[in-house]
PDB file of N, CA and C in Angstrom:
ATOM      1  N   LEU A   1       0.878  -1.236   0.063  1.00  0.00           N
ATOM      2  CA  LEU A   1      -0.065  -0.167  -0.018  1.00  0.00           C
ATOM      3  C   LEU A   1       0.881   1.118   0.071  1.00  0.00           C
ATOM      4  N   ASP A   2       2.101   1.034  -0.196  1.00  0.00           N
ATOM      5  CA  ASP A   2       2.924   2.330  -0.318  1.00  0.00           C
ATOM      6  C   ASP A   2       2.599   2.994  -1.418  1.00  0.00           C
ATOM      7  N   GLY A   3       2.568   4.423  -1.389  1.00  0.00           N
ATOM      8  CA  GLY A   3       2.233   5.226  -2.465  1.00  0.00           C
ATOM      9  C   GLY A   3       0.809   5.772  -2.518  1.00  0.00           C
ATOM     10  N   LEU A   4      -0.034   5.233  -1.603  1.00  0.00           N
ATOM     11  CA  LEU A   4      -1.377   5.642  -1.701  1.00  0.00           C
ATOM     12  C   LEU A   4      -1.619   6.971  -1.524  1.00  0.00           C
ATOM     13  N   PRO A   5      -2.278   7.690  -2.512  1.00  0.00           N
ATOM     14  CA  PRO A   5      -2.514   9.128  -2.417  1.00  0.00           C
ATOM     15  C   PRO A   5      -3.223   9.503  -1.141  1.00  0.00           C
ATOM     16  N   VAL A   6      -3.173  10.720  -1.035  1.00  0.00           N
ATOM     17  CA  VAL A   6      -4.255  11.337   0.227  1.00  0.00           C
ATOM     18  C   VAL A   6      -5.612  11.283  -0.008  1.00  0.00           C
ATOM     19  N   LEU A   7      -6.453  10.410   0.516  1.00  0.00           N
ATOM     20  CA  LEU A   7      -7.803  10.176   0.353  1.00  0.00           C
ATOM     21  C   LEU A   7      -8.698  11.063   1.189  1.00  0.00           C
ATOM     22  N   ASN A   8      -8.860  12.259   1.191  1.00  0.00           N
ATOM     23  CA  ASN A   8      -9.407  13.140   2.271  1.00  0.00           C
ATOM     24  C   ASN A   8     -10.926  12.675   2.566  1.00  0.00           C
ATOM     25  N   ASN A   9     -11.629  12.310   1.440  1.00  0.00           N
ATOM     26  CA  ASN A   9     -12.987  11.898   1.557  1.00  0.00           C
ATOM     27  C   ASN A   9     -13.333  10.566   1.873  1.00  0.00           C
ATOM     28  N   LEU A  10     -12.264   9.696   1.944  1.00  0.00           N
ATOM     29  CA  LEU A  10     -12.437   8.276   2.355  1.00  0.00           C
ATOM     30  C   LEU A  10     -12.908   8.070   3.587  1.00  0.00           C
ATOM     31  N   ARG A  11     -14.280   7.330   3.751  1.00  0.00           N
ATOM     32  CA  ARG A  11     -14.786   7.204   5.259  1.00  0.00           C
ATOM     33  C   ARG A  11     -14.699   5.730   5.514  1.00  0.00           C
ATOM     34  N   GLU A  12     -14.449   4.800   4.710  1.00  0.00           N
ATOM     35  CA  GLU A  12     -14.508   3.339   5.123  1.00  0.00           C
ATOM     36  C   GLU A  12     -13.515   2.487   4.296  1.00  0.00           C
ATOM     37  N   LEU A  13     -12.571   1.875   4.897  1.00  0.00           N
ATOM     38  CA  LEU A  13     -11.452   1.188   4.356  1.00  0.00           C
ATOM     39  C   LEU A  13     -11.519  -0.240   4.816  1.00  0.00           C
ATOM     40  N   GLU A  14     -11.565  -1.075   4.051  1.00  0.00           N
ATOM     41  CA  GLU A  14     -11.686  -2.696   4.054  1.00  0.00           C
ATOM     42  C   GLU A  14     -10.190  -3.424   3.880  1.00  0.00           C
ATOM     43  N   LEU A  15      -9.518  -3.476   4.773  1.00  0.00           N
ATOM     44  CA  LEU A  15      -8.161  -4.423   4.818  1.00  0.00           C
ATOM     45  C   LEU A  15      -8.285  -5.402   5.359  1.00  0.00           C
ATOM     46  N   SER A  16      -9.235  -6.332   5.439  1.00  0.00           N
ATOM     47  CA  SER A  16      -9.184  -7.644   5.710  1.00  0.00           C
ATOM     48  C   SER A  16      -8.601  -8.698   5.026  1.00  0.00           C
ATOM     49  N   ASP A  17      -8.030  -9.600   5.730  1.00  0.00           N
ATOM     50  CA  ASP A  17      -7.270 -10.747   5.251  1.00  0.00           C
ATOM     51  C   ASP A  17      -6.314 -10.491   4.180  1.00  0.00           C
ATOM     52  N   ASN A  18      -5.608  -9.367   4.496  1.00  0.00           N
ATOM     53  CA  ASN A  18      -4.347  -9.046   3.597  1.00  0.00           C
ATOM     54  C   ASN A  18      -2.914  -9.259   4.030  1.00  0.00           C
ATOM     55  N   ARG A  19      -2.902 -10.170   5.314  1.00  0.00           N
ATOM     56  CA  ARG A  19      -1.639 -10.366   5.798  1.00  0.00           C
ATOM     57  C   ARG A  19      -0.892  -9.424   6.420  1.00  0.00           C
ATOM     58  N   LEU A  20      -1.531  -8.332   6.690  1.00  0.00           N
ATOM     59  CA  LEU A  20      -0.745  -7.354   7.446  1.00  0.00           C
ATOM     60  C   LEU A  20      -0.217  -7.755   8.672  1.00  0.00           C
ATOM     61  N   ALA A  21       0.960  -7.518   8.820  1.00  0.00           N
ATOM     62  CA  ALA A  21       1.673  -7.876  10.036  1.00  0.00           C
ATOM     63  C   ALA A  21       2.820  -7.353  10.737  1.00  0.00           C
ATOM     64  N   THR A  22       2.847  -6.014  10.339  1.00  0.00           N
ATOM     65  CA  THR A  22       3.637  -5.094  10.874  1.00  0.00           C
ATOM     66  C   THR A  22       3.174  -3.703  10.936  1.00  0.00           C
ATOM     67  N   ALA A  23       3.566  -2.886  11.980  1.00  0.00           N
ATOM     68  CA  ALA A  23       3.173  -1.450  12.061  1.00  0.00           C
ATOM     69  C   ALA A  23       3.290  -0.796  10.690  1.00  0.00           C
ATOM     70  N   ASP A  24       4.515  -0.956   9.998  1.00  0.00           N
ATOM     71  CA  ASP A  24       4.459  -0.302   8.652  1.00  0.00           C
ATOM     72  C   ASP A  24       3.566  -0.681   7.850  1.00  0.00           C
ATOM     73  N   SER A  25       2.652  -1.643   7.780  1.00  0.00           N
ATOM     74  CA  SER A  25       1.825  -2.110   6.974  1.00  0.00           C
ATOM     75  C   SER A  25       0.595  -1.279   7.188  1.00  0.00           C
ATOM     76  N   ILE A  26       0.214  -0.716   8.008  1.00  0.00           N
ATOM     77  CA  ILE A  26      -0.683   0.167   8.376  1.00  0.00           C
ATOM     78  C   ILE A  26      -0.515   1.725   8.660  1.00  0.00           C
ATOM     79  N   SER A  27       0.994   2.001   8.832  1.00  0.00           N
ATOM     80  CA  SER A  27       1.421   3.333   9.214  1.00  0.00           C
ATOM     81  C   SER A  27       0.890   4.554   8.211  1.00  0.00           C
ATOM     82  N   PHE A  28       0.573   4.336   7.181  1.00  0.00           N
ATOM     83  CA  PHE A  28       0.282   5.219   6.260  1.00  0.00           C
ATOM     84  C   PHE A  28      -1.061   5.816   6.464  1.00  0.00           C
ATOM     85  N   LEU A  29      -1.785   5.166   7.013  1.00  0.00           N
ATOM     86  CA  LEU A  29      -3.285   5.507   7.373  1.00  0.00           C
ATOM     87  C   LEU A  29      -3.627   6.676   7.988  1.00  0.00           C
ATOM     88  N   GLY A  30      -2.560   7.454   8.885  1.00  0.00           N
ATOM     89  CA  GLY A  30      -2.744   8.716   9.816  1.00  0.00           C
ATOM     90  C   GLY A  30      -2.574   9.671   8.578  1.00  0.00           C
ATOM     91  N   LYS A  31      -1.697   9.337   7.596  1.00  0.00           N
ATOM     92  CA  LYS A  31      -1.416  10.573   6.473  1.00  0.00           C
ATOM     93  C   LYS A  31      -2.322  10.605   5.509  1.00  0.00           C
ATOM     94  N   THR A  32      -2.888   9.535   5.002  1.00  0.00           N
ATOM     95  CA  THR A  32      -3.502   9.413   3.836  1.00  0.00           C
ATOM     96  C   THR A  32      -5.274   9.430   3.894  1.00  0.00           C
ATOM     97  N   THR A  33      -5.531   8.780   5.084  1.00  0.00           N
ATOM     98  CA  THR A  33      -6.957   8.917   5.305  1.00  0.00           C
ATOM     99  C   THR A  33      -7.486   9.769   6.524  1.00  0.00           C
ATOM    100  N   PRO A  34      -7.444  11.076   6.384  1.00  0.00           N
ATOM    101  CA  PRO A  34      -7.775  11.873   7.565  1.00  0.00           C
ATOM    102  C   PRO A  34      -9.137  11.729   8.291  1.00  0.00           C
ATOM    103  N   ARG A  35     -10.113  11.428   7.341  1.00  0.00           N
ATOM    104  CA  ARG A  35     -11.379  11.416   7.651  1.00  0.00           C
ATOM    105  C   ARG A  35     -11.971  10.047   7.870  1.00  0.00           C
ATOM    106  N   LEU A  36     -11.223   8.932   7.929  1.00  0.00           N
ATOM    107  CA  LEU A  36     -11.551   7.642   8.163  1.00  0.00           C
ATOM    108  C   LEU A  36     -12.588   7.527   9.313  1.00  0.00           C
ATOM    109  N   GLU A  37     -13.873   6.964   9.095  1.00  0.00           N
ATOM    110  CA  GLU A  37     -14.533   6.440  10.107  1.00  0.00           C
ATOM    111  C   GLU A  37     -14.779   4.921  10.534  1.00  0.00           C
ATOM    112  N   VAL A  38     -14.529   4.352   9.547  1.00  0.00           N
ATOM    113  CA  VAL A  38     -14.609   2.695   9.632  1.00  0.00           C
ATOM    114  C   VAL A  38     -13.330   2.085   9.161  1.00  0.00           C
ATOM    115  N   LEU A  39     -12.574   1.236   9.934  1.00  0.00           N
ATOM    116  CA  LEU A  39     -11.381   0.536   9.088  1.00  0.00           C
ATOM    117  C   LEU A  39     -11.655  -0.905   9.685  1.00  0.00           C
ATOM    118  N   LYS A  40     -11.649  -1.707   8.484  1.00  0.00           N
ATOM    119  CA  LYS A  40     -11.704  -3.220   8.720  1.00  0.00           C
ATOM    120  C   LYS A  40     -10.371  -3.669   8.590  1.00  0.00           C
ATOM    121  N   LEU A  41      -9.868  -4.594   9.446  1.00  0.00           N
ATOM    122  CA  LEU A  41      -8.634  -5.153   9.760  1.00  0.00           C
ATOM    123  C   LEU A  41      -8.504  -6.406   9.986  1.00  0.00           C
ATOM    124  N   GLY A  42      -9.793  -7.237   9.950  1.00  0.00           N
ATOM    125  CA  GLY A  42      -9.784  -8.679  10.502  1.00  0.00           C
ATOM    126  C   GLY A  42      -9.251  -9.443   9.612  1.00  0.00           C
ATOM    127  N   GLY A  43      -8.631 -10.602  10.228  1.00  0.00           N
ATOM    128  CA  GLY A  43      -8.012 -11.839   9.757  1.00  0.00           C
ATOM    129  C   GLY A  43      -6.663 -11.477   9.334  1.00  0.00           C
ATOM    130  N   ASN A  44      -5.852 -10.470   9.994  1.00  0.00           N
ATOM    131  CA  ASN A  44      -4.594 -10.025   9.588  1.00  0.00           C
ATOM    132  C   ASN A  44      -3.654 -10.643  10.747  1.00  0.00           C
ATOM    133  N   GLN A  45      -2.523 -10.213  10.695  1.00  0.00           N
ATOM    134  CA  GLN A  45      -1.567 -10.912  11.586  1.00  0.00           C
ATOM    135  C   GLN A  45      -0.934  -9.632  12.776  1.00  0.00           C
ATOM    136  N   LEU A  46      -1.772  -8.638  12.900  1.00  0.00           N
ATOM    137  CA  LEU A  46      -1.333  -7.782  13.863  1.00  0.00           C
ATOM    138  C   LEU A  46      -1.398  -8.079  15.376  1.00  0.00           C
ATOM    139  N   GLY A  47      -0.156  -8.353  15.924  1.00  0.00           N
ATOM    140  CA  GLY A  47      -0.041  -9.072  16.981  1.00  0.00           C
ATOM    141  C   GLY A  47       0.239  -8.095  18.267  1.00  0.00           C
ATOM    142  N   THR A  48       0.550  -6.852  18.461  1.00  0.00           N
ATOM    143  CA  THR A  48       0.900  -6.308  19.435  1.00  0.00           C
ATOM    144  C   THR A  48       0.100  -4.804  19.450  1.00  0.00           C
ATOM    145  N   MET A  49       0.063  -4.196  20.597  1.00  0.00           N
ATOM    146  CA  MET A  49      -0.592  -2.943  20.629  1.00  0.00           C
ATOM    147  C   MET A  49       0.243  -1.877  20.095  1.00  0.00           C
ATOM    148  N   GLU A  50       1.508  -1.973  19.917  1.00  0.00           N
ATOM    149  CA  GLU A  50       2.349  -0.872  19.403  1.00  0.00           C
ATOM    150  C   GLU A  50       2.218  -0.932  17.819  1.00  0.00           C
ATOM    151  N   MET A  51       1.743  -2.139  17.317  1.00  0.00           N
ATOM    152  CA  MET A  51       1.398  -1.973  15.878  1.00  0.00           C
ATOM    153  C   MET A  51       0.098  -1.362  15.534  1.00  0.00           C
ATOM    154  N   LEU A  52      -0.814  -1.051  16.509  1.00  0.00           N
ATOM    155  CA  LEU A  52      -1.956  -0.194  16.318  1.00  0.00           C
ATOM    156  C   LEU A  52      -1.612   1.331  16.652  1.00  0.00           C
ATOM    157  N   GLY A  53      -0.546   1.628  17.101  1.00  0.00           N
ATOM    158  CA  GLY A  53      -0.358   3.080  17.402  1.00  0.00           C
ATOM    159  C   GLY A  53      -0.849   4.140  16.325  1.00  0.00           C
ATOM    160  N   VAL A  54      -0.941   3.655  15.171  1.00  0.00           N
ATOM    161  CA  VAL A  54      -1.632   4.741  14.174  1.00  0.00           C
ATOM    162  C   VAL A  54      -2.842   5.083  14.363  1.00  0.00           C
ATOM    163  N   LEU A  55      -3.765   4.269  14.896  1.00  0.00           N
ATOM    164  CA  LEU A  55      -5.104   4.612  15.129  1.00  0.00           C
ATOM    165  C   LEU A  55      -5.247   5.670  15.938  1.00  0.00           C
ATOM    166  N   ARG A  56      -4.244   6.184  16.837  1.00  0.00           N
ATOM    167  CA  ARG A  56      -4.266   7.431  17.485  1.00  0.00           C
ATOM    168  C   ARG A  56      -4.558   8.507  16.505  1.00  0.00           C
ATOM    169  N   GLU A  57      -4.051   8.379  15.371  1.00  0.00           N
ATOM    170  CA  GLU A  57      -3.754   9.610  14.404  1.00  0.00           C
ATOM    171  C   GLU A  57      -5.198   9.742  13.742  1.00  0.00           C
ATOM    172  N   LEU A  58      -6.110   8.823  13.817  1.00  0.00           N
ATOM    173  CA  LEU A  58      -7.332   8.960  12.976  1.00  0.00           C
ATOM    174  C   LEU A  58      -8.377   9.167  13.885  1.00  0.00           C
ATOM    175  N   ARG A  59      -8.516  10.468  13.776  1.00  0.00           N
ATOM    176  CA  ARG A  59      -9.580  11.220  14.648  1.00  0.00           C
ATOM    177  C   ARG A  59     -10.986  11.128  14.525  1.00  0.00           C
ATOM    178  N   SER A  60     -11.108  10.844  13.158  1.00  0.00           N
ATOM    179  CA  SER A  60     -12.624  10.577  12.956  1.00  0.00           C
ATOM    180  C   SER A  60     -13.093   8.922  12.977  1.00  0.00           C
ATOM    181  N   LEU A  61     -12.042   8.114  13.505  1.00  0.00           N
ATOM    182  CA  LEU A  61     -12.396   6.802  13.519  1.00  0.00           C
ATOM    183  C   LEU A  61     -13.448   6.623  14.562  1.00  0.00           C
ATOM    184  N   ARG A  62     -14.538   5.679  14.033  1.00  0.00           N
ATOM    185  CA  ARG A  62     -15.592   5.368  15.102  1.00  0.00           C
ATOM    186  C   ARG A  62     -15.672   3.839  15.182  1.00  0.00           C
ATOM    187  N   VAL A  63     -15.452   3.098  14.254  1.00  0.00           N
ATOM    188  CA  VAL A  63     -15.387   1.582  14.195  1.00  0.00           C
ATOM    189  C   VAL A  63     -14.001   1.057  13.738  1.00  0.00           C
ATOM    190  N   VAL A  64     -13.642   0.037  14.488  1.00  0.00           N
ATOM    191  CA  VAL A  64     -12.463  -0.570  13.954  1.00  0.00           C
ATOM    192  C   VAL A  64     -12.580  -2.235  14.171  1.00  0.00           C
ATOM    193  N   ASP A  65     -12.452  -2.944  13.198  1.00  0.00           N
ATOM    194  CA  ASP A  65     -12.549  -4.323  13.212  1.00  0.00           C
ATOM    195  C   ASP A  65     -11.306  -5.102  13.306  1.00  0.00           C
ATOM    196  N   LEU A  66     -10.845  -5.709  14.310  1.00  0.00           N
ATOM    197  CA  LEU A  66      -9.762  -6.367  14.547  1.00  0.00           C
ATOM    198  C   LEU A  66      -9.729  -7.915  14.815  1.00  0.00           C
ATOM    199  N   PHE A  67     -11.031  -8.462  14.466  1.00  0.00           N
ATOM    200  CA  PHE A  67     -11.448  -9.905  14.530  1.00  0.00           C
ATOM    201  C   PHE A  67     -10.320 -10.716  13.872  1.00  0.00           C
ATOM    202  N   GLU A  68     -10.077 -11.763  14.578  1.00  0.00           N
ATOM    203  CA  GLU A  68      -9.085 -12.770  13.962  1.00  0.00           C
ATOM    204  C   GLU A  68      -7.492 -12.153  13.772  1.00  0.00           C
ATOM    205  N   ASN A  69      -7.216 -11.446  14.845  1.00  0.00           N
ATOM    206  CA  ASN A  69      -5.585 -10.875  14.764  1.00  0.00           C
ATOM    207  C   ASN A  69      -5.308 -11.184  16.168  1.00  0.00           C
ATOM    208  N   PRO A  70      -4.066 -11.630  16.042  1.00  0.00           N
ATOM    209  CA  PRO A  70      -3.316 -12.243  17.241  1.00  0.00           C
ATOM    210  C   PRO A  70      -3.492 -11.165  18.602  1.00  0.00           C
ATOM    211  N   VAL A  71      -3.510  -9.804  18.240  1.00  0.00           N
ATOM    212  CA  VAL A  71      -3.625  -8.705  19.196  1.00  0.00           C
ATOM    213  C   VAL A  71      -4.762  -8.851  20.168  1.00  0.00           C
ATOM    214  N   THR A  72      -5.820  -9.374  19.726  1.00  0.00           N
ATOM    215  CA  THR A  72      -7.141  -9.561  20.328  1.00  0.00           C
ATOM    216  C   THR A  72      -7.110 -10.720  21.473  1.00  0.00           C
ATOM    217  N   ARG A  73      -5.937 -11.450  21.437  1.00  0.00           N
ATOM    218  CA  ARG A  73      -5.583 -12.412  22.560  1.00  0.00           C
ATOM    219  C   ARG A  73      -4.742 -11.652  23.602  1.00  0.00           C
ATOM    220  N   VAL A  74      -4.326 -10.498  23.561  1.00  0.00           N
ATOM    221  CA  VAL A  74      -3.441  -9.736  24.314  1.00  0.00           C
ATOM    222  C   VAL A  74      -4.350  -9.234  25.545  1.00  0.00           C
ATOM    223  N   ASP A  75      -3.930  -9.649  26.866  1.00  0.00           N
ATOM    224  CA  ASP A  75      -4.879  -9.168  28.170  1.00  0.00           C
ATOM    225  C   ASP A  75      -5.044  -7.740  27.831  1.00  0.00           C
ATOM    226  N   GLY A  76      -6.225  -7.443  27.982  1.00  0.00           N
ATOM    227  CA  GLY A  76      -6.600  -6.055  28.089  1.00  0.00           C
ATOM    228  C   GLY A  76      -6.440  -5.142  26.983  1.00  0.00           C
ATOM    229  N   TYR A  77      -6.472  -5.976  25.821  1.00  0.00           N
ATOM    230  CA  TYR A  77      -6.389  -5.030  24.385  1.00  0.00           C
ATOM    231  C   TYR A  77      -7.641  -4.076  24.197  1.00  0.00           C
ATOM    232  N   ARG A  78      -8.801  -4.642  24.657  1.00  0.00           N
ATOM    233  CA  ARG A  78     -10.112  -3.995  24.280  1.00  0.00           C
ATOM    234  C   ARG A  78      -9.651  -2.357  25.071  1.00  0.00           C
ATOM    235  N   ALA A  79      -9.287  -2.402  26.311  1.00  0.00           N
ATOM    236  CA  ALA A  79      -9.196  -1.257  26.720  1.00  0.00           C
ATOM    237  C   ALA A  79      -8.140  -0.346  26.228  1.00  0.00           C
ATOM    238  N   GLU A  80      -7.275  -1.059  26.018  1.00  0.00           N
ATOM    239  CA  GLU A  80      -5.986  -0.225  25.197  1.00  0.00           C
ATOM    240  C   GLU A  80      -6.446   0.387  23.984  1.00  0.00           C
ATOM    241  N   VAL A  81      -7.280  -0.397  22.973  1.00  0.00           N
ATOM    242  CA  VAL A  81      -7.849   0.298  21.852  1.00  0.00           C
ATOM    243  C   VAL A  81      -8.725   1.271  22.004  1.00  0.00           C
ATOM    244  N   PHE A  82      -9.545   1.302  23.141  1.00  0.00           N
ATOM    245  CA  PHE A  82     -10.502   2.365  23.537  1.00  0.00           C
ATOM    246  C   PHE A  82      -9.650   3.888  23.970  1.00  0.00           C
ATOM    247  N   LYS A  83      -8.358   3.393  24.517  1.00  0.00           N
ATOM    248  CA  LYS A  83      -7.461   4.500  24.916  1.00  0.00           C
ATOM    249  C   LYS A  83      -6.984   5.146  23.757  1.00  0.00           C
ATOM    250  N   LEU A  84      -6.671   4.322  22.663  1.00  0.00           N
ATOM    251  CA  LEU A  84      -6.112   4.807  21.495  1.00  0.00           C
ATOM    252  C   LEU A  84      -6.976   5.605  20.761  1.00  0.00           C
ATOM    253  N   VAL A  85      -8.266   5.145  20.511  1.00  0.00           N
ATOM    254  CA  VAL A  85      -9.208   5.753  19.770  1.00  0.00           C
ATOM    255  C   VAL A  85     -10.435   6.227  20.709  1.00  0.00           C
ATOM    256  N   ARG A  86     -10.333   7.244  21.011  1.00  0.00           N
ATOM    257  CA  ARG A  86     -11.504   7.826  22.147  1.00  0.00           C
ATOM    258  C   ARG A  86     -12.706   7.692  21.515  1.00  0.00           C
ATOM    259  N   ALA A  87     -12.957   8.049  20.358  1.00  0.00           N
ATOM    260  CA  ALA A  87     -14.079   8.336  19.711  1.00  0.00           C
ATOM    261  C   ALA A  87     -15.105   6.737  19.261  1.00  0.00           C
ATOM    262  N   LEU A  88     -14.475   5.750  19.569  1.00  0.00           N
ATOM    263  CA  LEU A  88     -14.876   4.465  19.232  1.00  0.00           C
ATOM    264  C   LEU A  88     -16.385   4.172  19.674  1.00  0.00           C
ATOM    265  N   VAL A  89     -17.433   3.653  18.646  1.00  0.00           N
ATOM    266  CA  VAL A  89     -18.530   3.550  19.427  1.00  0.00           C
ATOM    267  C   VAL A  89     -18.755   1.918  19.783  1.00  0.00           C
ATOM    268  N   VAL A  90     -19.546   1.595  20.931  1.00  0.00           N
ATOM    269  CA  VAL A  90     -19.403   0.352  21.197  1.00  0.00           C
ATOM    270  C   VAL A  90     -20.693  -0.250  20.639  1.00  0.00           C
TER     271      VAL A  90
END
Protein backbone atom coordinates (compact mmCIF):
# COMPACT_ATOMS: atom_id res chain seq x y z
CA LEU A 1 0.00 0.00 0.00
CA ASP A 2 2.99 2.28 -0.31
CA GLY A 3 2.31 5.23 -2.56
CA LEU A 4 -1.35 5.53 -1.63
CA PRO A 5 -2.44 9.12 -2.34
CA VAL A 6 -4.17 11.27 0.25
CA LEU A 7 -7.84 10.28 0.24
CA ASN A 8 -9.46 13.16 2.11
CA ASN A 9 -13.03 11.96 1.61
CA LEU A 10 -12.52 8.25 2.28
CA ARG A 11 -14.81 7.20 5.14
CA GLU A 12 -14.53 3.39 5.11
CA LEU A 13 -11.55 1.17 4.33
CA GLU A 14 -11.62 -2.63 4.03
CA LEU A 15 -8.18 -4.18 4.65
CA SER A 16 -9.31 -7.57 6.00
CA ASP A 17 -7.40 -10.74 5.11
CA ASN A 18 -4.39 -8.97 3.60
CA ARG A 19 -1.64 -10.59 5.73
CA LEU A 20 -0.82 -7.26 7.36
CA ALA A 21 1.72 -8.12 10.06
CA THR A 22 3.77 -5.02 10.88
CA ALA A 23 3.20 -1.48 12.08
CA ASP A 24 4.60 -0.30 8.74
CA SER A 25 1.81 -2.08 6.88
CA ILE A 26 -0.78 0.34 8.32
CA SER A 27 1.37 3.35 9.25
CA PHE A 28 0.25 5.24 6.11
CA LEU A 29 -3.32 5.53 7.41
CA GLY A 30 -2.76 8.61 9.55
CA LYS A 31 -1.39 10.63 6.66
CA THR A 32 -3.57 9.38 3.81
CA THR A 33 -7.04 8.89 5.31
CA PRO A 34 -7.71 11.85 7.64
CA ARG A 35 -11.52 11.42 7.69
CA LEU A 36 -11.64 7.64 8.00
CA GLU A 37 -14.57 6.51 10.16
CA VAL A 38 -14.62 2.72 9.64
CA LEU A 39 -11.51 0.55 9.41
CA LYS A 40 -11.77 -3.19 8.85
CA LEU A 41 -8.56 -5.04 9.70
CA GLY A 42 -9.98 -8.50 10.48
CA GLY A 43 -8.05 -11.62 9.56
CA ASN A 44 -4.58 -10.06 9.51
CA GLN A 45 -1.52 -10.76 11.66
CA LEU A 46 -1.39 -7.63 13.83
CA GLY A 47 -0.03 -8.95 17.11
CA THR A 48 0.87 -6.09 19.44
CA MET A 49 -0.66 -2.86 20.67
CA GLU A 50 2.38 -1.01 19.33
CA MET A 51 1.34 -2.05 15.82
CA LEU A 52 -1.96 -0.25 16.35
CA GLY A 53 -0.44 3.07 17.41
CA VAL A 54 -1.42 4.69 14.11
CA LEU A 55 -5.07 4.45 15.17
CA ARG A 56 -4.39 7.36 17.53
CA GLU A 57 -3.94 9.61 14.47
CA LEU A 58 -7.35 8.73 13.01
CA ARG A 59 -9.44 11.33 14.82
CA SER A 60 -12.67 10.51 12.92
CA LEU A 61 -12.44 6.75 13.48
CA ARG A 62 -15.63 5.36 15.04
CA VAL A 63 -15.43 1.65 14.15
CA VAL A 64 -12.41 -0.64 14.01
CA ASP A 65 -12.60 -4.39 13.30
CA LEU A 66 -9.65 -6.41 14.63
CA PHE A 67 -11.35 -9.83 14.56
CA GLU A 68 -8.98 -12.76 14.04
CA ASN A 69 -5.80 -10.74 14.73
CA PRO A 70 -3.35 -12.06 17.36
CA VAL A 71 -3.60 -8.75 19.23
CA THR A 72 -7.13 -9.70 20.29
CA ARG A 73 -5.60 -12.36 22.55
CA VAL A 74 -3.48 -9.81 24.45
CA ASP A 75 -4.80 -9.21 27.98
CA GLY A 76 -6.59 -5.88 28.18
CA TYR A 77 -6.37 -5.15 24.46
CA ARG A 78 -9.93 -3.77 24.28
CA ALA A 79 -9.28 -1.15 26.96
CA GLU A 80 -6.05 -0.19 25.20
CA VAL A 81 -7.83 0.22 21.85
CA PHE A 82 -10.39 2.50 23.51
CA LYS A 83 -7.52 4.57 24.92
CA LEU A 84 -5.99 4.87 21.44
CA VAL A 85 -9.26 5.75 19.74
CA ARG A 86 -11.39 7.85 22.07
CA ALA A 87 -14.31 8.18 19.63
CA LEU A 88 -14.98 4.45 19.14
CA VAL A 89 -18.63 3.42 19.26
CA VAL A 90 -19.48 0.30 21.26
